Amino acid sequence: MTSAAIMIPSPTSSIANLSRAKITIAEIVRNILAQILTIASTMFLVSQGPSHNLYCKSLLMSRAPWLCQSTSLYAENAREFPNSFYSAPPMSEIDHLVVGAGLTGLNVARTLSDRGCQVTVVDAETLGAGASGVNGGQVLQGFNTTPAKLEQMVGLDRAKRLWKNSISAVQTVREDCVSFDLRWHNGGGELAAKPSHMNSLHQRAREINERFGGHFVLFDKDEAQARSGSKRFFGGYVDYGAGHIDPLAYVHALAQQLKSHSVNFVQHHRVVAIEYKPDEGLFHVVSRCRGSQHIIKTRHVYVCINAWIARLIPKLASFVMPVANFMLATYPLGRDVSSVLDDGACYCDSNFVLNYFRKNEFGQMIFGGQVAYDTSRKGPGVHILKRDMLRVFPQLRDIGISHYWPGLLAISYHRLPLVGEFAPNGFYACAYSGHGLALTSHVGDSLALAALGERENLDDLVALPRRKFPGGSMLRLPLLLAATSYQRMRDIWC
């Protein structure tokens, strides 16, 4: 059959599509009704005056309790740091304070400590408690956009530099894993969920190979199904420079190295305010712990708290959207289903609301998907995500689920990182939009170098376009839900 042939779906595939559509439509209708209630209640509270309006804004920026109630597979296997690992907040003036002990903050600290600077890292919780420690573990080059779009946004030369630096960031993580004696699994790619996705998927891979230094391996339907162990895919590509890891183990190993290089870590201290004092050339950073308040004076501050960044830099609230994503881990698959992901790589599918999956060294499937844009409401249960997994891998129906957990990430309108300065010597980075496990290495390094007077890489990142989410504080959630619902319908029918 040629590529121009008309494909008529079989009756069974049409029935399956209808069944999937009914389930998805029901979910969409429920979400839309919930959003109508959200709009109504929010408008009522806003009408009641400034104090209620502030309360509404705090809902958008707070961490929902249900996000903290599940233990990830990574956390169960993680090392415990003794109390001696941590320090008290510094009492005297310091040069460099990093807010947030995720991968962006740790990479800022690494570059600064390598240059002989004294650094303190403070976090409201523990090491890697945010997206850095609960993500899907996929270490991929590039950004959450196509090379062609990136070139249109920033020009060819800058786009090439940005992409090259993202490839170097992947290599940094890989080399770190070797240095830290962590398991690195080769390969990361994308699988076409529909025949209509094949042309654009392969075109993007060829463009990366020809113009941006990639080495993607393209394959057809038969190879996609052999590699994945699923009949749901129609082709794809894999990049053997990419890979997958246990992200929390990586966070902890990097922190351990930094501690040996005299970086100080302060945990359970929530930074609640940052004020720049121009006459002093200092930041006064207010943190709280168990009811007590501390003021840390620092010449440089780096705000690396991703989804919660609007708490400290309110002007970013319209540019950043916290999003919950969900993951499960199965028990080890065993030999009966060893053909699942037999090539050892990690993959995502090509849908807008995508699934992503990999097997770890213990043979467990780690499967992610589903999204919740309104993090004040509880997300989908484990049965929803398991249903999604069984659509892709029906042979796993008898395999039990060992862990299920949410993770809070941040997205921007263009799905590109937001990086910049909010005051002289005050830096921030957030909204990696699903590509943070590698990019944090480059971005953290760029922030630190800029503080030391080397701005080229930071200037490239600052040049990435940004746009406010439409709708303001009341309507942006419903508008985003409507757009996502439309894309989910396209995933089913187009």
Protein backbone atom coordinates (compact mmCIF):
# COMPACT_ATOMS: atom_id res chain seq x y z
CA MET A 1 0.00 0.00 0.00
CA THR A 2 1.40 3.40 -0.94
CA SER A 3 1.41 6.35 1.38
CA ALA A 4 -1.33 7.94 -0.72
CA ALA A 5 -3.74 5.04 -0.21
CA ILE A 6 -6.93 5.63 1.74
CA MET A 7 -7.04 3.62 4.95
CA ILE A 8 -10.51 2.43 6.01
CA PRO A 9 -10.65 1.45 9.69
CA SER A 10 -11.93 -1.99 10.53
CA PRO A 11 -15.24 -2.30 12.41
CA THR A 12 -13.42 -3.46 15.54
CA SER A 13 -11.03 -0.49 15.48
CA SER A 14 -13.96 1.89 14.98
CA ILE A 15 -15.76 0.36 17.96
CA ALA A 16 -12.60 0.69 20.04
CA ASN A 17 -12.27 4.35 19.04
CA LEU A 18 -15.91 4.97 19.94
CA SER A 19 -15.46 3.30 23.31
CA ARG A 20 -12.37 5.36 24.03
CA ALA A 21 -14.16 8.50 22.88
CA LYS A 22 -17.14 7.88 25.18
CA ILE A 23 -14.88 7.49 28.18
CA THR A 24 -12.83 10.55 27.26
CA ILE A 25 -15.90 12.68 26.52
CA ALA A 26 -17.34 11.75 29.92
CA GLU A 27 -14.10 12.85 31.58
CA ILE A 28 -14.08 16.10 29.61
CA VAL A 29 -17.70 16.89 30.52
CA ARG A 30 -16.99 16.26 34.21
CA ASN A 31 -13.95 18.52 34.09
CA ILE A 32 -15.83 21.29 32.29
CA LEU A 33 -18.65 21.19 34.86
CA ALA A 34 -16.08 21.37 37.65
CA GLN A 35 -14.45 24.36 35.98
CA ILE A 36 -17.81 26.13 35.69
CA LEU A 37 -18.16 25.76 39.46
CA THR A 38 -14.60 27.03 39.89
CA ILE A 39 -15.34 30.13 37.79
CA ALA A 40 -18.56 30.85 39.66
CA SER A 41 -17.00 30.49 43.11
CA THR A 42 -13.93 32.50 42.13
CA MET A 43 -16.03 35.35 40.69
CA PHE A 44 -18.10 35.39 43.88
CA LEU A 45 -15.00 35.59 46.08
CA VAL A 46 -13.50 38.34 43.94
CA SER A 47 -16.74 40.31 44.25
CA GLN A 48 -16.42 40.17 48.06
CA GLY A 49 -13.36 42.40 48.17
CA PRO A 50 -9.55 42.44 48.21
CA SER A 51 -9.05 39.89 50.98
CA HIS A 52 -11.07 37.27 49.13
CA ASN A 53 -9.33 38.14 45.88
CA LEU A 54 -5.99 37.49 47.58
CA TYR A 55 -7.36 34.18 48.82
CA CYS A 56 -8.25 33.20 45.23
CA LYS A 57 -4.75 34.01 44.05
CA SER A 58 -3.26 31.97 46.87
CA LEU A 59 -5.28 28.96 45.73
CA LEU A 60 -3.65 29.18 42.32
CA MET A 61 -0.19 29.29 43.86
CA SER A 62 -0.54 26.82 46.73
CA ARG A 63 0.51 23.21 46.83
CA ALA A 64 -2.56 20.99 47.16
CA PRO A 65 -2.36 18.50 50.06
CA TRP A 66 -3.16 15.53 47.82
CA LEU A 67 0.08 16.17 45.94
CA CYS A 68 1.98 15.19 49.10
CA GLN A 69 0.06 12.05 50.06
CA SER A 70 1.68 9.43 47.79
CA THR A 71 5.18 8.00 47.96
CA SER A 72 6.97 7.62 44.66
CA LEU A 73 8.96 4.56 43.68
CA TYR A 74 12.07 6.74 43.81
CA ALA A 75 11.42 7.98 47.36
CA GLU A 76 10.99 4.45 48.67
CA ASN A 77 14.43 3.52 47.32
CA ALA A 78 16.12 6.81 48.27
CA ARG A 79 18.95 7.28 50.72
CA GLU A 80 18.40 8.98 54.06
CA PHE A 81 20.63 11.94 54.89
CA PRO A 82 21.59 12.38 58.56
CA ASN A 83 20.76 15.63 60.30
CA SER A 84 24.46 16.47 60.22
CA PHE A 85 24.16 16.85 56.43
CA TYR A 86 22.14 20.04 56.92
CA SER A 87 23.12 23.42 58.33
CA ALA A 88 21.33 26.19 60.20
CA PRO A 89 20.47 29.35 58.21
CA PRO A 90 23.50 31.63 57.87
CA MET A 91 23.52 34.40 60.47
CA SER A 92 25.98 36.68 58.67
CA GLU A 93 25.96 38.17 55.18
CA ILE A 94 26.71 35.68 52.39
CA ASP A 95 27.56 35.95 48.70
CA HIS A 96 25.28 33.36 47.08
CA LEU A 97 21.91 32.00 48.23
CA VAL A 98 20.03 29.40 46.16
CA VAL A 99 16.31 29.03 46.91
CA GLY A 100 15.19 25.53 45.93
CA ALA A 101 17.09 22.25 46.26
CA GLY A 102 15.97 20.80 42.94
CA LEU A 103 18.19 20.25 39.94
CA THR A 104 18.25 23.88 38.80
CA GLY A 105 19.40 25.05 42.21
CA LEU A 106 21.92 22.24 42.60
CA ASN A 107 23.46 23.02 39.22
CA VAL A 108 23.72 26.70 40.14
CA ALA A 109 25.53 25.62 43.30
CA ARG A 110 27.80 23.26 41.39
CA THR A 111 29.10 25.91 39.00
CA LEU A 112 29.56 28.46 41.77
CA SER A 113 31.38 26.02 44.05
CA ASP A 114 33.60 24.92 41.15
CA ARG A 115 34.61 28.59 40.84
CA GLY A 116 35.48 28.79 44.52
CA CYS A 117 32.31 30.55 45.72
CA GLN A 118 30.66 29.84 49.06
CA VAL A 119 27.04 28.79 48.46
CA THR A 120 24.02 28.08 50.67
CA VAL A 121 21.00 26.17 49.32
CA VAL A 122 17.73 26.55 51.23
CA ASP A 123 14.54 24.56 50.61
CA ALA A 124 11.04 24.58 52.08
CA GLU A 125 11.04 20.79 52.17
CA THR A 126 13.78 18.27 51.37
CA LEU A 127 16.19 17.59 48.52
CA GLY A 128 14.35 16.94 45.26
CA ALA A 129 10.86 17.18 46.79
CA GLY A 130 9.54 18.97 43.68
CA ALA A 131 9.54 17.97 40.02
CA SER A 132 13.26 17.10 40.08
CA GLY A 133 12.67 14.04 42.25
CA VAL A 134 9.33 12.69 41.02
CA ASN A 135 9.46 12.99 37.23
CA GLY A 136 9.44 10.28 34.56
CA GLY A 137 13.23 9.99 34.53
CA GLN A 138 13.67 10.67 30.81
CA VAL A 139 16.84 12.59 29.92
CA LEU A 140 16.24 14.12 26.48
CA GLN A 141 17.85 16.73 24.27
CA GLY A 142 16.07 19.80 22.97
CA PHE A 143 13.00 21.67 24.10
CA ASN A 144 9.26 21.11 24.12
CA THR A 145 8.98 22.55 20.61
CA THR A 146 10.20 21.74 17.11
CA PRO A 147 13.54 23.01 15.76
CA ALA A 148 11.69 24.92 13.03
CA LYS A 149 9.56 26.79 15.57
CA LEU A 150 12.58 27.50 17.75
CA GLU A 151 14.40 28.96 14.73
CA GLN A 152 11.41 31.19 13.95
CA MET A 153 11.37 32.43 17.53
CA VAL A 154 15.05 33.24 18.09
CA GLY A 155 16.83 32.94 14.73
CA LEU A 156 18.95 30.12 13.35
CA ASP A 157 22.26 30.88 15.07
CA ARG A 158 20.74 31.24 18.53
CA ALA A 159 18.49 28.20 18.00
CA LYS A 160 21.54 26.09 17.10
CA ARG A 161 23.41 27.26 20.20
CA LEU A 162 20.44 26.51 22.43
CA TRP A 163 19.99 23.04 20.95
CA LYS A 164 23.71 22.28 21.14
CA ASN A 165 23.72 23.28 24.80
CA SER A 166 20.76 20.99 25.44
CA ILE A 167 22.72 18.08 23.93
CA SER A 168 25.66 18.96 26.17
CA ALA A 169 23.29 18.97 29.14
CA VAL A 170 22.25 15.38 28.39
CA GLN A 171 25.91 14.42 28.23
CA THR A 172 26.51 16.11 31.60
CA VAL A 173 23.80 13.99 33.23
CA ARG A 174 25.19 10.87 31.60
CA GLU A 175 28.73 11.60 32.80
CA ASP A 176 27.41 12.38 36.28
CA CYS A 177 25.70 9.00 36.43
CA VAL A 178 28.99 7.29 35.63
CA SER A 179 30.79 9.41 38.23
CA PHE A 180 28.11 8.79 40.88
CA ASP A 181 27.84 5.06 40.09
CA LEU A 182 24.18 5.41 39.12
CA ARG A 183 22.43 3.30 36.51
CA TRP A 184 22.12 4.97 33.09
CA HIS A 185 19.81 3.33 30.52
CA ASN A 186 20.52 4.19 26.88
CA GLY A 187 17.93 5.51 24.49
CA GLY A 188 14.99 7.89 24.40
CA GLY A 189 12.50 8.51 21.63
CA GLU A 190 8.98 9.08 20.39
CA LEU A 191 6.41 6.72 18.88
CA ALA A 192 3.70 7.69 16.39
CA ALA A 193 0.29 7.08 17.95
CA LYS A 194 -1.44 7.45 14.56
CA PRO A 195 -0.42 6.96 10.92
CA SER A 196 -1.11 10.66 10.35
CA HIS A 197 1.60 11.57 12.88
CA MET A 198 4.39 9.78 11.00
CA ASN A 199 5.34 12.46 8.48
CA SER A 200 5.74 15.27 10.99
CA LEU A 201 7.51 13.03 13.49
CA HIS A 202 10.10 11.81 10.98
CA GLN A 203 10.46 15.28 9.47
CA ARG A 204 11.31 16.70 12.90
CA ALA A 205 13.86 13.94 13.53
CA ARG A 206 15.54 14.49 10.15
CA GLU A 207 15.68 18.23 10.77
CA ILE A 208 17.40 17.69 14.11
CA ASN A 209 19.89 15.32 12.48
CA GLU A 210 20.66 17.57 9.51
CA ARG A 211 20.72 20.99 11.14
CA PHE A 212 21.03 20.63 14.91
CA GLY A 213 23.60 17.89 15.46
CA GLY A 214 21.25 15.05 16.35
CA HIS A 215 21.77 11.34 15.68
CA PHE A 216 18.20 10.09 15.73
CA VAL A 217 17.46 6.63 14.34
CA LEU A 218 14.16 6.51 12.42
CA PHE A 219 12.05 3.36 12.13
CA ASP A 220 8.78 2.12 10.63
CA LYS A 221 5.65 0.52 12.03
CA ASP A 222 7.03 -3.01 12.30
CA GLU A 223 10.12 -1.87 14.16
CA ALA A 224 8.09 0.44 16.41
CA GLN A 225 5.92 -2.46 17.47
CA ALA A 226 8.91 -4.77 17.94
CA ARG A 227 10.77 -2.20 20.06
CA SER A 228 7.79 -1.25 22.21
CA GLY A 229 5.97 -4.56 22.41
CA SER A 230 2.75 -2.72 21.55
CA LYS A 231 0.61 -2.80 18.42
CA ARG A 232 -0.55 0.77 19.04
CA PHE A 233 2.32 2.49 17.22
CA PHE A 234 3.07 3.24 13.57
CA GLY A 235 6.73 4.23 13.56
CA GLY A 236 9.03 6.52 15.46
CA TYR A 237 12.60 7.42 16.30
CA VAL A 238 15.12 6.84 19.05
CA ASP A 239 18.11 8.90 20.17
CA TYR A 240 20.83 6.75 21.73
CA GLY A 241 22.46 9.86 23.16
CA ALA A 242 19.40 10.21 25.40
CA GLY A 243 18.54 7.91 28.27
CA HIS A 244 16.62 7.39 31.49
CA ILE A 245 17.54 7.32 35.17
CA ASP A 246 16.18 7.34 38.72
CA PRO A 247 15.86 11.13 39.08
CA LEU A 248 15.75 11.30 42.88
CA ALA A 249 18.86 9.13 43.19
CA TYR A 250 20.54 11.58 40.83
CA VAL A 251 19.45 14.59 42.92
CA HIS A 252 20.78 12.98 46.09
CA ALA A 253 24.10 11.96 44.53
CA LEU A 254 24.66 15.46 43.17
CA ALA A 255 23.83 16.99 46.55
CA GLN A 256 26.26 14.61 48.26
CA GLN A 257 29.02 15.73 45.89
CA LEU A 258 28.21 19.39 46.52
CA LYS A 259 28.28 18.85 50.28
CA SER A 260 31.79 17.46 49.94
CA HIS A 261 32.68 20.72 48.14
CA SER A 262 31.51 22.82 51.11
CA VAL A 263 28.05 23.77 49.82
CA ASN A 264 25.68 24.32 52.78
CA PHE A 265 22.15 22.89 52.73
CA VAL A 266 19.27 24.21 54.83
CA GLN A 267 16.04 22.19 54.75
CA HIS A 268 12.49 22.89 55.98
CA HIS A 269 13.00 26.64 55.73
CA ARG A 270 10.33 28.19 53.52
CA VAL A 271 11.39 31.46 51.92
CA VAL A 272 8.37 33.76 52.10
CA ALA A 273 9.78 37.08 50.85
CA ILE A 274 12.75 38.51 48.99
CA GLU A 275 13.44 42.24 49.14
CA TYR A 276 16.27 43.96 47.29
CA LYS A 277 17.93 46.86 49.15
CA PRO A 278 19.62 49.04 46.48
CA ASP A 279 21.42 51.21 49.03
CA GLU A 280 23.06 48.10 50.52
CA GLY A 281 23.42 46.10 47.31
CA LEU A 282 21.92 43.20 49.26
CA PHE A 283 18.84 41.01 49.26
CA HIS A 284 16.97 40.47 52.52
CA VAL A 285 15.54 36.96 52.25
CA VAL A 286 12.91 36.05 54.85
CA SER A 287 12.49 32.36 55.70
CA ARG A 288 10.30 30.57 58.23
CA CYS A 289 10.73 27.29 60.07
CA ARG A 290 8.42 25.95 62.81
CA GLY A 291 7.07 29.40 63.60
CA SER A 292 10.44 31.15 63.80
CA GLN A 293 11.56 33.70 61.23
CA HIS A 294 15.04 34.28 59.83
CA ILE A 295 16.46 36.99 57.60
CA ILE A 296 19.34 35.99 55.34
CA LYS A 297 21.35 38.78 53.74
CA THR A 298 22.96 37.87 50.43
CA ARG A 299 24.57 39.61 47.47
CA HIS A 300 23.20 37.13 44.92
CA VAL A 301 20.00 35.11 45.03
CA TYR A 302 18.77 32.41 42.64
CA VAL A 303 15.06 31.52 42.79
CA CYS A 304 14.72 27.94 41.55
CA ILE A 305 11.34 26.77 42.85
CA ASN A 306 9.65 26.10 39.49
CA ALA A 307 5.87 25.70 39.93
CA TRP A 308 5.83 27.84 43.11
CA ILE A 309 7.87 30.70 41.69
CA ALA A 310 4.97 33.20 41.71
CA ARG A 311 5.03 33.10 45.52
CA LEU A 312 8.33 34.98 45.48
CA ILE A 313 8.20 36.71 42.08
CA PRO A 314 4.54 37.70 41.64
CA LYS A 315 5.07 39.26 38.21
CA LEU A 316 5.62 35.74 36.81
CA ALA A 317 2.19 34.48 37.94
CA SER A 318 0.58 35.13 34.55
CA PHE A 319 3.39 33.39 32.68
CA VAL A 320 3.59 30.13 34.65
CA MET A 321 0.99 27.38 35.03
CA PRO A 322 1.48 24.66 37.68
CA VAL A 323 0.42 21.29 36.24
CA ALA A 324 0.11 17.95 37.99
CA ASN A 325 1.18 14.85 36.10
CA PHE A 326 0.78 11.26 37.24
CA MET A 327 2.94 8.13 37.25
CA LEU A 328 2.66 4.52 38.25
CA ALA A 329 5.15 1.71 38.68
CA THR A 330 4.29 -1.94 38.23
CA TYR A 331 5.81 -4.91 39.93
CA PRO A 332 8.64 -6.51 37.87
CA LEU A 333 7.20 -7.71 34.57
CA GLY A 334 8.83 -11.13 34.39
CA ARG A 335 9.77 -13.24 31.39
CA ASP A 336 6.21 -13.73 30.12
CA VAL A 337 6.06 -10.09 29.03
CA SER A 338 9.76 -9.45 28.47
CA SER A 339 9.06 -8.20 24.93
CA VAL A 340 7.65 -4.96 26.38
CA LEU A 341 10.19 -2.17 25.72
CA ASP A 342 12.70 -4.82 24.74
CA ASP A 343 15.20 -2.30 23.34
CA GLY A 344 15.71 -0.74 26.78
CA ALA A 345 14.89 2.81 25.68
CA CYS A 346 12.29 5.16 27.13
CA TYR A 347 9.54 6.56 24.93
CA CYS A 348 6.59 8.90 24.77
CA ASP A 349 3.78 8.81 22.24
CA SER A 350 2.98 11.58 19.77
CA ASN A 351 -0.40 12.63 21.19
CA PHE A 352 -0.92 16.12 22.59
CA VAL A 353 -1.98 14.65 25.95
CA LEU A 354 0.76 12.08 25.82
CA ASN A 355 1.80 8.97 27.69
CA TYR A 356 5.44 8.18 28.47
CA PHE A 357 6.98 4.94 29.65
CA ARG A 358 10.16 3.08 30.44
CA LYS A 359 11.44 -0.01 32.25
CA ASN A 360 13.93 0.32 35.07
CA GLU A 361 16.76 -2.04 36.00
CA PHE A 362 14.37 -4.13 38.11
CA GLY A 363 12.02 -4.76 35.19
CA GLN A 364 9.29 -2.45 36.50
CA MET A 365 7.22 -0.46 34.04
CA ILE A 366 7.11 3.24 34.92
CA PHE A 367 4.17 4.71 33.03
CA GLY A 368 3.13 8.36 33.10
CA GLY A 369 0.28 10.40 31.71
CA GLN A 370 -2.91 12.30 32.53
CA VAL A 371 -2.77 15.94 33.61
CA ALA A 372 -4.54 18.11 36.16
CA TYR A 373 -4.35 21.84 35.52
CA ASP A 374 -6.48 22.69 38.54
CA THR A 375 -4.21 21.47 41.33
CA SER A 376 -6.71 22.51 44.01
CA ARG A 377 -8.80 19.45 43.07
CA LYS A 378 -7.69 15.85 43.42
CA GLY A 379 -6.42 14.30 40.21
CA PRO A 380 -7.37 11.02 38.54
CA GLY A 381 -7.08 7.79 40.49
CA VAL A 382 -4.64 4.98 39.81
CA HIS A 383 -7.33 3.03 37.93
CA ILE A 384 -7.49 5.76 35.27
CA LEU A 385 -3.76 5.66 34.60
CA LYS A 386 -3.71 1.85 34.69
CA ARG A 387 -6.50 1.86 32.11
CA ASP A 388 -4.34 4.08 29.90
CA MET A 389 -1.38 1.73 30.33
CA LEU A 390 -3.45 -1.32 29.39
CA ARG A 391 -4.64 0.37 26.22
CA VAL A 392 -1.00 0.53 25.17
CA PHE A 393 0.21 -2.69 26.79
CA PRO A 394 -2.78 -5.04 27.26
CA GLN A 395 -0.38 -7.90 28.05
CA LEU A 396 0.28 -6.23 31.44
CA ARG A 397 -3.29 -6.76 32.70
CA ASP A 398 -2.15 -9.34 35.28
CA ILE A 399 0.78 -7.25 36.55
CA GLY A 400 0.10 -5.44 39.82
CA ILE A 401 0.75 -1.76 40.55
CA SER A 402 3.33 -1.15 43.27
CA HIS A 403 3.35 2.67 43.35
CA TYR A 404 1.26 5.58 42.11
CA TRP A 405 2.22 9.21 42.60
CA PRO A 406 1.65 12.73 41.27
CA GLY A 407 4.27 15.30 40.43
CA LEU A 408 3.89 19.05 40.06
CA LEU A 409 5.68 20.64 37.12
CA ALA A 410 5.37 24.05 35.50
CA ILE A 411 4.59 24.99 31.92
CA SER A 412 4.76 28.26 30.02
CA TYR A 413 2.54 29.39 27.16
CA HIS A 414 5.15 28.47 24.53
CA ARG A 415 6.30 25.39 26.53
CA LEU A 416 9.77 26.95 26.79
CA PRO A 417 11.74 27.70 29.98
CA LEU A 418 11.36 31.10 31.62
CA VAL A 419 14.79 32.36 32.64
CA GLY A 420 15.90 35.83 33.66
CA GLU A 421 16.63 38.43 36.34
CA PHE A 422 14.08 40.06 38.66
CA ALA A 423 16.60 42.47 40.25
CA PRO A 424 20.32 43.19 39.98
CA ASN A 425 22.03 39.88 40.86
CA GLY A 426 18.62 38.27 41.40
CA PHE A 427 18.04 35.36 39.01
CA TYR A 428 15.25 32.87 38.36
CA ALA A 429 14.39 29.87 36.19
CA CYS A 430 11.24 27.78 35.85
CA ALA A 431 8.70 26.17 33.48
CA TYR A 432 10.79 23.56 31.67
CA SER A 433 7.48 22.11 30.45
CA GLY A 434 8.52 18.48 30.74
CA HIS A 435 12.15 18.82 29.57
CA GLY A 436 13.81 19.74 32.83
CA LEU A 437 15.83 16.67 33.75
CA ALA A 438 18.55 17.58 31.26
CA LEU A 439 17.94 21.31 30.72
CA THR A 440 18.34 22.14 34.41
CA SER A 441 22.03 21.32 34.05
CA HIS A 442 22.50 23.95 31.36
CA VAL A 443 20.17 26.54 32.89
CA GLY A 444 21.64 26.30 36.39
CA ASP A 445 25.14 26.62 34.97
CA SER A 446 24.05 29.64 32.89
CA LEU A 447 22.60 31.47 35.90
CA ALA A 448 25.77 30.96 37.91
CA LEU A 449 28.03 32.05 35.06
CA ALA A 450 25.94 35.19 34.54
CA ALA A 451 26.41 36.11 38.20
CA LEU A 452 30.15 35.77 37.62
CA GLY A 453 30.05 38.03 34.55
CA GLU A 454 29.76 35.45 31.75
CA ARG A 455 26.34 36.17 30.22
CA GLU A 456 26.28 34.62 26.74
CA ASN A 457 24.36 31.48 27.63
CA LEU A 458 21.95 33.39 29.87
CA ASP A 459 21.27 35.91 27.10
CA ASP A 460 20.31 33.05 24.77
CA LEU A 461 17.88 31.67 27.35
CA VAL A 462 16.40 35.09 28.13
CA ALA A 463 15.73 35.51 24.39
CA LEU A 464 13.26 32.62 24.44
CA PRO A 465 9.81 34.16 23.90
CA ARG A 466 7.26 34.38 26.68
CA ARG A 467 3.58 35.22 26.72
CA LYS A 468 0.95 35.49 29.42
CA PHE A 469 -1.66 32.76 29.60
CA PRO A 470 -4.94 34.30 28.41
CA GLY A 471 -7.88 34.75 30.74
CA GLY A 472 -6.27 36.21 33.83
CA SER A 473 -6.50 34.57 37.25
CA MET A 474 -10.18 33.69 36.84
CA LEU A 475 -10.38 32.30 33.32
CA ARG A 476 -6.99 30.90 32.41
CA LEU A 477 -7.69 27.47 33.95
CA PRO A 478 -11.00 26.99 32.10
CA LEU A 479 -9.50 28.26 28.84
CA LEU A 480 -6.55 25.91 29.15
CA LEU A 481 -8.92 23.05 29.95
CA ALA A 482 -11.00 23.85 26.87
CA ALA A 483 -7.92 23.89 24.64
CA THR A 484 -6.68 20.62 26.12
CA SER A 485 -10.10 19.01 25.71
CA TYR A 486 -10.07 19.99 22.05
CA GLN A 487 -6.59 18.48 21.62
CA ARG A 488 -7.68 15.28 23.36
CA MET A 489 -10.52 14.93 20.87
CA ARG A 490 -8.01 15.40 18.05
CA ASP A 491 -5.86 12.69 19.62
CA ILE A 492 -8.81 10.32 19.29
CA TRP A 493 -10.26 11.24 15.92
CA CYS A 494 -7.51 12.86 13.80
